[in-house]
Amino acid sequence: MREVKKVILRLLYNLLVVVLSAFFVLPILWLIFTPFNENPTLALQFPLNPTLENFSKVIENDYAIAAFKNSLIQSFGATFLVLFLASLAAYAFSRVELPGKNIIMYILVLFSSIVTGIAAMVPLFFLLLRVGLIDTHLGVILVFSGGFLPTAVFLLKDFVDSISTSYEESAIISGASKFQIFKDIIFPLSRPGMVVIGVYTFVQVWSNFLIPFLFLRSEGKMPASVAIYSFTNQVGMPKIDLISTYSLLYTIPVIALYLFANKKYGFRFYGGLKG
């Protein structure tokens, strides 16, 4: 009797795993197959006669291509700014004896969840309006950077902490300046951490809809995350061919970035070498 119960429980468990897996796998299969169908629908259909016509429609759509460029500008801009400032701040927090620096770090991380949250959108809007950065890529980049920077500093500080100070002491004896120490020692040894933070920031900016939607006014400056919502016909019905194709293309940069970083660094969460 116990054996029968075990078999039944095992079957129920396997059935549950299959059902849950289907919720994740089916949308991915739809995203992969639908762009190659001549008449794509919301139903999952394997393309019997694959076509690239839908991709041609997207490429010929100037608004769609411009949106991709805007996404790259905003994503790379915010990622570069976050990495540049976070690396300098993390080095300073790690090496300088500042009273209460740990408390400052935790407070920054705590409030960073508010900066890019919905509650901060109104004050941020008026702030950007005051300084003339509404409807600019720079304004969007600064908002993203302000939201992700505290977390980036907090994480990167752990990588810098794990780098032995003996490397810096040897460099100082050799006559190296602070900038040379940072460039030739700290930066290379903390590179895996910077890659993790860089990928995280890029993905978050690339997929964000709310911030560019609120702070940009010109259609020509909208990123792909906003542009995809404009693919409708005259009566407001979604164009499945454009949406599916654009969605597939939209995922490629993120997947490519992840595969490149994973192959090169493996996303290993460690800092520098121990002396």
C-alpha atoms as a PDB file:
ATOM      1  CA  MET A   1       0.000   0.000   0.000  1.00  0.00           C
ATOM      2  CA  ARG A   2       2.863   2.340   0.836  1.00  0.00           C
ATOM      3  CA  GLU A   3       4.462   1.608  -2.507  1.00  0.00           C
ATOM      4  CA  VAL A   4       1.240   2.547  -4.297  1.00  0.00           C
ATOM      5  CA  LYS A   5       1.086   5.844  -2.388  1.00  0.00           C
ATOM      6  CA  LYS A   6       4.688   6.598  -3.290  1.00  0.00           C
ATOM      7  CA  VAL A   7       3.981   5.943  -6.960  1.00  0.00           C
ATOM      8  CA  ILE A   8       0.860   8.147  -6.886  1.00  0.00           C
ATOM      9  CA  LEU A   9       2.723  10.969  -5.118  1.00  0.00           C
ATOM     10  CA  ARG A  10       5.560  10.682  -7.623  1.00  0.00           C
ATOM     11  CA  LEU A  11       3.124  10.876 -10.528  1.00  0.00           C
ATOM     12  CA  LEU A  12       1.383  13.900  -9.022  1.00  0.00           C
ATOM     13  CA  TYR A  13       4.734  15.571  -8.442  1.00  0.00           C
ATOM     14  CA  ASN A  14       5.838  14.948 -12.025  1.00  0.00           C
ATOM     15  CA  LEU A  15       2.502  16.232 -13.308  1.00  0.00           C
ATOM     16  CA  LEU A  16       2.870  19.409 -11.254  1.00  0.00           C
ATOM     17  CA  VAL A  17       6.401  19.940 -12.585  1.00  0.00           C
ATOM     18  CA  VAL A  18       5.181  19.500 -16.155  1.00  0.00           C
ATOM     19  CA  VAL A  19       2.314  21.970 -15.670  1.00  0.00           C
ATOM     20  CA  LEU A  20       4.542  24.577 -14.045  1.00  0.00           C
ATOM     21  CA  SER A  21       7.205  24.116 -16.710  1.00  0.00           C
ATOM     22  CA  ALA A  22       4.595  24.641 -19.423  1.00  0.00           C
ATOM     23  CA  PHE A  23       3.796  28.098 -18.018  1.00  0.00           C
ATOM     24  CA  PHE A  24       7.433  29.084 -18.673  1.00  0.00           C
ATOM     25  CA  VAL A  25       8.213  27.074 -21.800  1.00  0.00           C
ATOM     26  CA  LEU A  26       5.116  27.789 -23.907  1.00  0.00           C
ATOM     27  CA  PRO A  27       5.541  31.600 -23.958  1.00  0.00           C
ATOM     28  CA  ILE A  28       9.183  31.152 -24.952  1.00  0.00           C
ATOM     29  CA  LEU A  29       8.233  28.774 -27.762  1.00  0.00           C
ATOM     30  CA  TRP A  30       5.588  31.259 -28.926  1.00  0.00           C
ATOM     31  CA  LEU A  31       8.201  34.013 -28.968  1.00  0.00           C
ATOM     32  CA  ILE A  32      10.589  31.870 -31.011  1.00  0.00           C
ATOM     33  CA  PHE A  33       8.141  30.433 -33.565  1.00  0.00           C
ATOM     34  CA  THR A  34       5.565  33.199 -34.090  1.00  0.00           C
ATOM     35  CA  PRO A  35       7.815  35.743 -35.890  1.00  0.00           C
ATOM     36  CA  PHE A  36       8.465  33.175 -38.632  1.00  0.00           C
ATOM     37  CA  ASN A  37       4.771  32.526 -39.365  1.00  0.00           C
ATOM     38  CA  GLU A  38       3.089  34.100 -42.374  1.00  0.00           C
ATOM     39  CA  ASN A  39      -0.088  34.827 -40.384  1.00  0.00           C
ATOM     40  CA  PRO A  40       0.932  34.902 -36.728  1.00  0.00           C
ATOM     41  CA  THR A  41      -1.712  34.666 -34.021  1.00  0.00           C
ATOM     42  CA  LEU A  42      -1.774  34.475 -30.241  1.00  0.00           C
ATOM     43  CA  ALA A  43      -1.935  30.683 -30.547  1.00  0.00           C
ATOM     44  CA  LEU A  44       1.285  28.689 -30.590  1.00  0.00           C
ATOM     45  CA  GLN A  45       1.877  27.502 -34.164  1.00  0.00           C
ATOM     46  CA  PHE A  46       4.939  25.826 -35.591  1.00  0.00           C
ATOM     47  CA  PRO A  47       5.874  27.646 -38.845  1.00  0.00           C
ATOM     48  CA  LEU A  48       5.342  25.105 -41.642  1.00  0.00           C
ATOM     49  CA  ASN A  49       6.529  27.646 -44.221  1.00  0.00           C
ATOM     50  CA  PRO A  50       8.995  29.867 -42.361  1.00  0.00           C
ATOM     51  CA  THR A  51       9.265  33.433 -43.626  1.00  0.00           C
ATOM     52  CA  LEU A  52      11.373  36.496 -42.835  1.00  0.00           C
ATOM     53  CA  GLU A  53       8.722  38.941 -44.018  1.00  0.00           C
ATOM     54  CA  ASN A  54       7.899  40.026 -40.476  1.00  0.00           C
ATOM     55  CA  PHE A  55      11.533  40.903 -39.856  1.00  0.00           C
ATOM     56  CA  SER A  56      11.531  42.999 -43.022  1.00  0.00           C
ATOM     57  CA  LYS A  57       8.517  44.931 -41.716  1.00  0.00           C
ATOM     58  CA  VAL A  58      10.356  45.733 -38.495  1.00  0.00           C
ATOM     59  CA  ILE A  59      13.530  46.792 -40.277  1.00  0.00           C
ATOM     60  CA  GLU A  60      11.560  49.042 -42.600  1.00  0.00           C
ATOM     61  CA  ASN A  61       9.848  50.671 -39.633  1.00  0.00           C
ATOM     62  CA  ASP A  62      11.950  53.761 -38.865  1.00  0.00           C
ATOM     63  CA  TYR A  63      10.315  54.252 -35.477  1.00  0.00           C
ATOM     64  CA  ALA A  64      11.188  50.705 -34.380  1.00  0.00           C
ATOM     65  CA  ILE A  65      14.840  51.035 -35.415  1.00  0.00           C
ATOM     66  CA  ALA A  66      15.162  54.447 -33.745  1.00  0.00           C
ATOM     67  CA  ALA A  67      13.713  52.974 -30.560  1.00  0.00           C
ATOM     68  CA  PHE A  68      16.412  50.302 -30.536  1.00  0.00           C
ATOM     69  CA  LYS A  69      19.090  52.969 -30.854  1.00  0.00           C
ATOM     70  CA  ASN A  70      17.519  54.933 -28.013  1.00  0.00           C
ATOM     71  CA  SER A  71      17.500  51.836 -25.799  1.00  0.00           C
ATOM     72  CA  LEU A  72      21.188  51.278 -26.494  1.00  0.00           C
ATOM     73  CA  ILE A  73      22.019  54.907 -25.700  1.00  0.00           C
ATOM     74  CA  GLN A  74      20.130  54.886 -22.416  1.00  0.00           C
ATOM     75  CA  SER A  75      21.252  51.403 -21.322  1.00  0.00           C
ATOM     76  CA  PHE A  76      24.948  51.823 -22.124  1.00  0.00           C
ATOM     77  CA  GLY A  77      24.934  55.394 -20.820  1.00  0.00           C
ATOM     78  CA  ALA A  78      23.467  54.437 -17.438  1.00  0.00           C
ATOM     79  CA  THR A  79      25.665  51.323 -17.190  1.00  0.00           C
ATOM     80  CA  PHE A  80      28.847  53.286 -17.891  1.00  0.00           C
ATOM     81  CA  LEU A  81      27.952  56.030 -15.404  1.00  0.00           C
ATOM     82  CA  VAL A  82      27.011  53.556 -12.670  1.00  0.00           C
ATOM     83  CA  LEU A  83      30.197  51.511 -13.120  1.00  0.00           C
ATOM     84  CA  PHE A  84      32.444  54.562 -13.259  1.00  0.00           C
ATOM     85  CA  LEU A  85      31.030  56.234 -10.152  1.00  0.00           C
ATOM     86  CA  ALA A  86      30.461  52.992  -8.231  1.00  0.00           C
ATOM     87  CA  SER A  87      34.055  51.828  -8.740  1.00  0.00           C
ATOM     88  CA  LEU A  88      35.451  55.116  -7.392  1.00  0.00           C
ATOM     89  CA  ALA A  89      33.017  55.244  -4.473  1.00  0.00           C
ATOM     90  CA  ALA A  90      33.525  51.578  -3.575  1.00  0.00           C
ATOM     91  CA  TYR A  91      37.307  52.044  -3.527  1.00  0.00           C
ATOM     92  CA  ALA A  92      36.957  55.082  -1.264  1.00  0.00           C
ATOM     93  CA  PHE A  93      34.500  53.368   1.112  1.00  0.00           C
ATOM     94  CA  SER A  94      36.738  50.301   1.278  1.00  0.00           C
ATOM     95  CA  ARG A  95      40.054  52.015   1.949  1.00  0.00           C
ATOM     96  CA  VAL A  96      39.186  55.237   3.779  1.00  0.00           C
ATOM     97  CA  GLU A  97      38.428  55.058   7.502  1.00  0.00           C
ATOM     98  CA  LEU A  98      35.197  57.040   7.681  1.00  0.00           C
ATOM     99  CA  PRO A  99      33.168  57.087  10.920  1.00  0.00           C
ATOM    100  CA  GLY A 100      29.800  55.413  10.400  1.00  0.00           C
ATOM    101  CA  LYS A 101      30.510  54.432   6.799  1.00  0.00           C
ATOM    102  CA  ASN A 102      28.702  51.111   7.176  1.00  0.00           C
ATOM    103  CA  ILE A 103      25.590  52.916   8.389  1.00  0.00           C
ATOM    104  CA  ILE A 104      25.862  55.304   5.442  1.00  0.00           C
ATOM    105  CA  MET A 105      26.091  52.363   3.053  1.00  0.00           C
ATOM    106  CA  TYR A 106      22.972  50.687   4.432  1.00  0.00           C
ATOM    107  CA  ILE A 107      21.029  53.949   4.384  1.00  0.00           C
ATOM    108  CA  LEU A 108      21.979  54.526   0.739  1.00  0.00           C
ATOM    109  CA  VAL A 109      20.864  51.030  -0.227  1.00  0.00           C
ATOM    110  CA  LEU A 110      17.618  51.475   1.696  1.00  0.00           C
ATOM    111  CA  PHE A 111      16.716  54.730  -0.004  1.00  0.00           C
ATOM    112  CA  SER A 112      17.879  53.551  -3.430  1.00  0.00           C
ATOM    113  CA  SER A 113      14.728  51.428  -3.629  1.00  0.00           C
ATOM    114  CA  ILE A 114      12.720  54.647  -3.442  1.00  0.00           C
ATOM    115  CA  VAL A 115      14.593  56.681  -6.058  1.00  0.00           C
ATOM    116  CA  THR A 116      13.395  54.627  -9.018  1.00  0.00           C
ATOM    117  CA  GLY A 117      10.076  53.691  -7.410  1.00  0.00           C
ATOM    118  CA  ILE A 118       6.667  55.052  -8.317  1.00  0.00           C
ATOM    119  CA  ALA A 119       6.618  57.245  -5.197  1.00  0.00           C
ATOM    120  CA  ALA A 120       9.606  59.234  -6.478  1.00  0.00           C
ATOM    121  CA  MET A 121       8.302  59.880  -9.982  1.00  0.00           C
ATOM    122  CA  VAL A 122       6.574  63.186  -9.201  1.00  0.00           C
ATOM    123  CA  PRO A 123       9.504  64.879  -7.406  1.00  0.00           C
ATOM    124  CA  LEU A 124      11.929  63.520  -9.998  1.00  0.00           C
ATOM    125  CA  PHE A 125       9.762  64.903 -12.787  1.00  0.00           C
ATOM    126  CA  PHE A 126       9.748  68.399 -11.268  1.00  0.00           C
ATOM    127  CA  LEU A 127      13.481  68.172 -10.562  1.00  0.00           C
ATOM    128  CA  LEU A 128      14.279  67.315 -14.185  1.00  0.00           C
ATOM    129  CA  LEU A 129      11.853  70.009 -15.328  1.00  0.00           C
ATOM    130  CA  ARG A 130      13.677  72.606 -13.234  1.00  0.00           C
ATOM    131  CA  VAL A 131      17.094  71.725 -14.680  1.00  0.00           C
ATOM    132  CA  GLY A 132      15.805  71.370 -18.244  1.00  0.00           C
ATOM    133  CA  LEU A 133      16.374  67.633 -18.624  1.00  0.00           C
ATOM    134  CA  ILE A 134      12.832  66.558 -19.431  1.00  0.00           C
ATOM    135  CA  ASP A 135      12.658  64.819 -22.821  1.00  0.00           C
ATOM    136  CA  THR A 136      16.414  64.173 -22.909  1.00  0.00           C
ATOM    137  CA  HIS A 137      18.445  60.979 -22.847  1.00  0.00           C
ATOM    138  CA  LEU A 138      20.685  62.520 -20.186  1.00  0.00           C
ATOM    139  CA  GLY A 139      17.754  63.012 -17.819  1.00  0.00           C
ATOM    140  CA  VAL A 140      16.683  59.384 -18.147  1.00  0.00           C
ATOM    141  CA  ILE A 141      20.275  58.181 -17.712  1.00  0.00           C
ATOM    142  CA  LEU A 142      20.731  60.246 -14.546  1.00  0.00           C
ATOM    143  CA  VAL A 143      17.497  58.939 -13.013  1.00  0.00           C
ATOM    144  CA  PHE A 144      18.500  55.340 -13.690  1.00  0.00           C
ATOM    145  CA  SER A 145      22.018  55.935 -12.405  1.00  0.00           C
ATOM    146  CA  GLY A 146      20.763  57.529  -9.195  1.00  0.00           C
ATOM    147  CA  GLY A 147      18.564  54.522  -8.539  1.00  0.00           C
ATOM    148  CA  PHE A 148      21.134  51.798  -9.186  1.00  0.00           C
ATOM    149  CA  LEU A 149      24.280  53.527  -7.900  1.00  0.00           C
ATOM    150  CA  PRO A 150      23.856  52.860  -4.138  1.00  0.00           C
ATOM    151  CA  THR A 151      23.303  49.142  -4.683  1.00  0.00           C
ATOM    152  CA  ALA A 152      26.243  49.017  -7.103  1.00  0.00           C
ATOM    153  CA  VAL A 153      28.526  50.700  -4.555  1.00  0.00           C
ATOM    154  CA  PHE A 154      27.335  48.352  -1.809  1.00  0.00           C
ATOM    155  CA  LEU A 155      28.032  45.225  -3.890  1.00  0.00           C
ATOM    156  CA  LEU A 156      31.277  46.415  -5.422  1.00  0.00           C
ATOM    157  CA  LYS A 157      32.683  47.391  -2.030  1.00  0.00           C
ATOM    158  CA  ASP A 158      32.730  43.706  -1.058  1.00  0.00           C
ATOM    159  CA  PHE A 159      34.863  42.929  -4.088  1.00  0.00           C
ATOM    160  CA  VAL A 160      37.295  45.718  -3.261  1.00  0.00           C
ATOM    161  CA  ASP A 161      37.419  44.643   0.409  1.00  0.00           C
ATOM    162  CA  SER A 162      38.614  41.201  -0.650  1.00  0.00           C
ATOM    163  CA  ILE A 163      41.617  42.648  -2.516  1.00  0.00           C
ATOM    164  CA  SER A 164      44.678  42.419  -0.311  1.00  0.00           C
ATOM    165  CA  THR A 165      46.220  45.782   0.590  1.00  0.00           C
ATOM    166  CA  SER A 166      49.671  44.250   0.095  1.00  0.00           C
ATOM    167  CA  TYR A 167      49.328  44.887  -3.642  1.00  0.00           C
ATOM    168  CA  GLU A 168      48.735  48.579  -3.026  1.00  0.00           C
ATOM    169  CA  GLU A 169      51.570  48.806  -0.502  1.00  0.00           C
ATOM    170  CA  SER A 170      53.960  47.284  -2.999  1.00  0.00           C
ATOM    171  CA  ALA A 171      52.778  49.720  -5.667  1.00  0.00           C
ATOM    172  CA  ILE A 172      53.213  52.691  -3.308  1.00  0.00           C
ATOM    173  CA  ILE A 173      56.785  51.612  -2.542  1.00  0.00           C
ATOM    174  CA  SER A 174      57.393  51.465  -6.291  1.00  0.00           C
ATOM    175  CA  GLY A 175      56.208  55.063  -6.595  1.00  0.00           C
ATOM    176  CA  ALA A 176      52.742  54.492  -8.064  1.00  0.00           C
ATOM    177  CA  SER A 177      50.118  57.185  -7.640  1.00  0.00           C
ATOM    178  CA  LYS A 178      46.600  56.614  -6.296  1.00  0.00           C
ATOM    179  CA  PHE A 179      45.194  56.751  -9.808  1.00  0.00           C
ATOM    180  CA  GLN A 180      47.740  54.212 -11.055  1.00  0.00           C
ATOM    181  CA  ILE A 181      46.912  51.895  -8.145  1.00  0.00           C
ATOM    182  CA  PHE A 182      43.232  52.110  -8.963  1.00  0.00           C
ATOM    183  CA  LYS A 183      43.765  51.650 -12.712  1.00  0.00           C
ATOM    184  CA  ASP A 184      46.361  48.864 -12.599  1.00  0.00           C
ATOM    185  CA  ILE A 185      45.365  46.947  -9.445  1.00  0.00           C
ATOM    186  CA  ILE A 186      41.898  47.687  -8.085  1.00  0.00           C
ATOM    187  CA  PHE A 187      40.096  47.914 -11.401  1.00  0.00           C
ATOM    188  CA  PRO A 188      41.443  44.644 -12.932  1.00  0.00           C
ATOM    189  CA  LEU A 189      40.938  42.601  -9.748  1.00  0.00           C
ATOM    190  CA  SER A 190      37.390  43.866  -9.196  1.00  0.00           C
ATOM    191  CA  ARG A 191      36.416  43.406 -12.836  1.00  0.00           C
ATOM    192  CA  PRO A 192      34.230  40.313 -12.255  1.00  0.00           C
ATOM    193  CA  GLY A 193      32.141  42.297  -9.785  1.00  0.00           C
ATOM    194  CA  MET A 194      31.874  45.196 -12.212  1.00  0.00           C
ATOM    195  CA  VAL A 195      30.687  42.825 -14.922  1.00  0.00           C
ATOM    196  CA  VAL A 196      27.942  41.476 -12.664  1.00  0.00           C
ATOM    197  CA  ILE A 197      26.821  45.003 -11.778  1.00  0.00           C
ATOM    198  CA  GLY A 198      27.105  46.124 -15.387  1.00  0.00           C
ATOM    199  CA  VAL A 199      24.917  43.298 -16.689  1.00  0.00           C
ATOM    200  CA  TYR A 200      22.372  43.876 -13.934  1.00  0.00           C
ATOM    201  CA  THR A 201      22.180  47.618 -14.647  1.00  0.00           C
ATOM    202  CA  PHE A 202      21.979  47.137 -18.408  1.00  0.00           C
ATOM    203  CA  VAL A 203      19.145  44.611 -18.151  1.00  0.00           C
ATOM    204  CA  GLN A 204      17.167  46.761 -15.714  1.00  0.00           C
ATOM    205  CA  VAL A 205      17.463  49.878 -17.874  1.00  0.00           C
ATOM    206  CA  TRP A 206      16.819  47.968 -21.099  1.00  0.00           C
ATOM    207  CA  SER A 207      13.562  46.505 -19.817  1.00  0.00           C
ATOM    208  CA  ASN A 208      12.250  49.525 -17.915  1.00  0.00           C
ATOM    209  CA  PHE A 209       9.058  51.103 -19.226  1.00  0.00           C
ATOM    210  CA  LEU A 210       7.906  53.606 -16.602  1.00  0.00           C
ATOM    211  CA  ILE A 211      10.862  56.010 -16.392  1.00  0.00           C
ATOM    212  CA  PRO A 212      11.340  56.717 -20.120  1.00  0.00           C
ATOM    213  CA  PHE A 213       7.578  56.809 -20.612  1.00  0.00           C
ATOM    214  CA  LEU A 214       7.209  59.554 -17.986  1.00  0.00           C
ATOM    215  CA  PHE A 215      10.304  61.637 -18.659  1.00  0.00           C
ATOM    216  CA  LEU A 216      10.396  61.549 -22.464  1.00  0.00           C
ATOM    217  CA  ARG A 217       7.939  63.393 -24.688  1.00  0.00           C
ATOM    218  CA  SER A 218       9.273  62.964 -28.225  1.00  0.00           C
ATOM    219  CA  GLU A 219       8.469  59.729 -30.055  1.00  0.00           C
ATOM    220  CA  GLY A 220      11.901  59.845 -31.630  1.00  0.00           C
ATOM    221  CA  LYS A 221      13.530  59.463 -28.189  1.00  0.00           C
ATOM    222  CA  MET A 222      11.400  56.623 -26.867  1.00  0.00           C
ATOM    223  CA  PRO A 223      13.226  53.311 -26.198  1.00  0.00           C
ATOM    224  CA  ALA A 224      12.117  49.911 -27.447  1.00  0.00           C
ATOM    225  CA  SER A 225      10.376  49.108 -24.154  1.00  0.00           C
ATOM    226  CA  VAL A 226       7.914  51.938 -24.886  1.00  0.00           C
ATOM    227  CA  ALA A 227       7.814  51.690 -28.680  1.00  0.00           C
ATOM    228  CA  ILE A 228       6.549  48.114 -28.608  1.00  0.00           C
ATOM    229  CA  TYR A 229       3.219  49.353 -27.200  1.00  0.00           C
ATOM    230  CA  SER A 230       2.619  51.457 -30.317  1.00  0.00           C
ATOM    231  CA  PHE A 231       2.333  48.510 -32.708  1.00  0.00           C
ATOM    232  CA  THR A 232      -1.428  48.630 -33.159  1.00  0.00           C
ATOM    233  CA  ASN A 233      -3.725  49.117 -36.143  1.00  0.00           C
ATOM    234  CA  GLN A 234      -6.203  51.947 -36.687  1.00  0.00           C
ATOM    235  CA  VAL A 235      -8.791  50.471 -34.342  1.00  0.00           C
ATOM    236  CA  GLY A 236      -6.296  49.779 -31.565  1.00  0.00           C
ATOM    237  CA  MET A 237      -5.844  46.049 -32.130  1.00  0.00           C
ATOM    238  CA  PRO A 238      -2.278  44.781 -31.632  1.00  0.00           C
ATOM    239  CA  LYS A 239      -0.259  43.803 -34.690  1.00  0.00           C
ATOM    240  CA  ILE A 240       0.875  40.332 -33.711  1.00  0.00           C
ATOM    241  CA  ASP A 241       3.396  40.113 -36.545  1.00  0.00           C
ATOM    242  CA  LEU A 242       5.267  43.256 -35.499  1.00  0.00           C
ATOM    243  CA  ILE A 243       4.944  42.685 -31.758  1.00  0.00           C
ATOM    244  CA  SER A 244       6.217  39.100 -31.860  1.00  0.00           C
ATOM    245  CA  THR A 245       9.106  39.914 -34.176  1.00  0.00           C
ATOM    246  CA  TYR A 246      10.087  43.034 -32.272  1.00  0.00           C
ATOM    247  CA  SER A 247       9.899  41.152 -28.977  1.00  0.00           C
ATOM    248  CA  LEU A 248      12.266  38.481 -30.274  1.00  0.00           C
ATOM    249  CA  LEU A 249      14.742  41.089 -31.501  1.00  0.00           C
ATOM    250  CA  TYR A 250      14.323  42.946 -28.213  1.00  0.00           C
ATOM    251  CA  THR A 251      15.605  39.960 -26.221  1.00  0.00           C
ATOM    252  CA  ILE A 252      18.725  39.367 -28.333  1.00  0.00           C
ATOM    253  CA  PRO A 253      20.998  42.094 -26.836  1.00  0.00           C
ATOM    254  CA  VAL A 254      20.291  40.943 -23.273  1.00  0.00           C
ATOM    255  CA  ILE A 255      20.891  37.274 -24.094  1.00  0.00           C
ATOM    256  CA  ALA A 256      24.060  38.119 -26.042  1.00  0.00           C
ATOM    257  CA  LEU A 257      25.388  40.237 -23.177  1.00  0.00           C
ATOM    258  CA  TYR A 258      24.668  37.503 -20.645  1.00  0.00           C
ATOM    259  CA  LEU A 259      26.311  34.781 -22.750  1.00  0.00           C
ATOM    260  CA  PHE A 260      29.392  36.939 -23.355  1.00  0.00           C
ATOM    261  CA  ALA A 261      29.793  37.843 -19.684  1.00  0.00           C
ATOM    262  CA  ASN A 262      29.095  34.309 -18.510  1.00  0.00           C
ATOM    263  CA  LYS A 263      31.637  32.828 -20.924  1.00  0.00           C
ATOM    264  CA  LYS A 264      34.318  35.335 -20.034  1.00  0.00           C
ATOM    265  CA  TYR A 265      33.777  35.684 -16.278  1.00  0.00           C
ATOM    266  CA  GLY A 266      31.262  33.032 -15.308  1.00  0.00           C
ATOM    267  CA  PHE A 267      29.508  35.442 -12.903  1.00  0.00           C
ATOM    268  CA  ARG A 268      31.721  34.252 -10.095  1.00  0.00           C
ATOM    269  CA  PHE A 269      30.996  36.301  -7.006  1.00  0.00           C
ATOM    270  CA  TYR A 270      34.494  36.842  -5.680  1.00  0.00           C
ATOM    271  CA  GLY A 271      36.708  39.821  -5.306  1.00  0.00           C
ATOM    272  CA  GLY A 272      40.448  40.117  -5.643  1.00  0.00           C
ATOM    273  CA  LEU A 273      43.226  37.662  -4.909  1.00  0.00           C
ATOM    274  CA  LYS A 274      44.111  36.972  -1.332  1.00  0.00           C
ATOM    275  CA  GLY A 275      47.673  37.886  -0.469  1.00  0.00           C
END
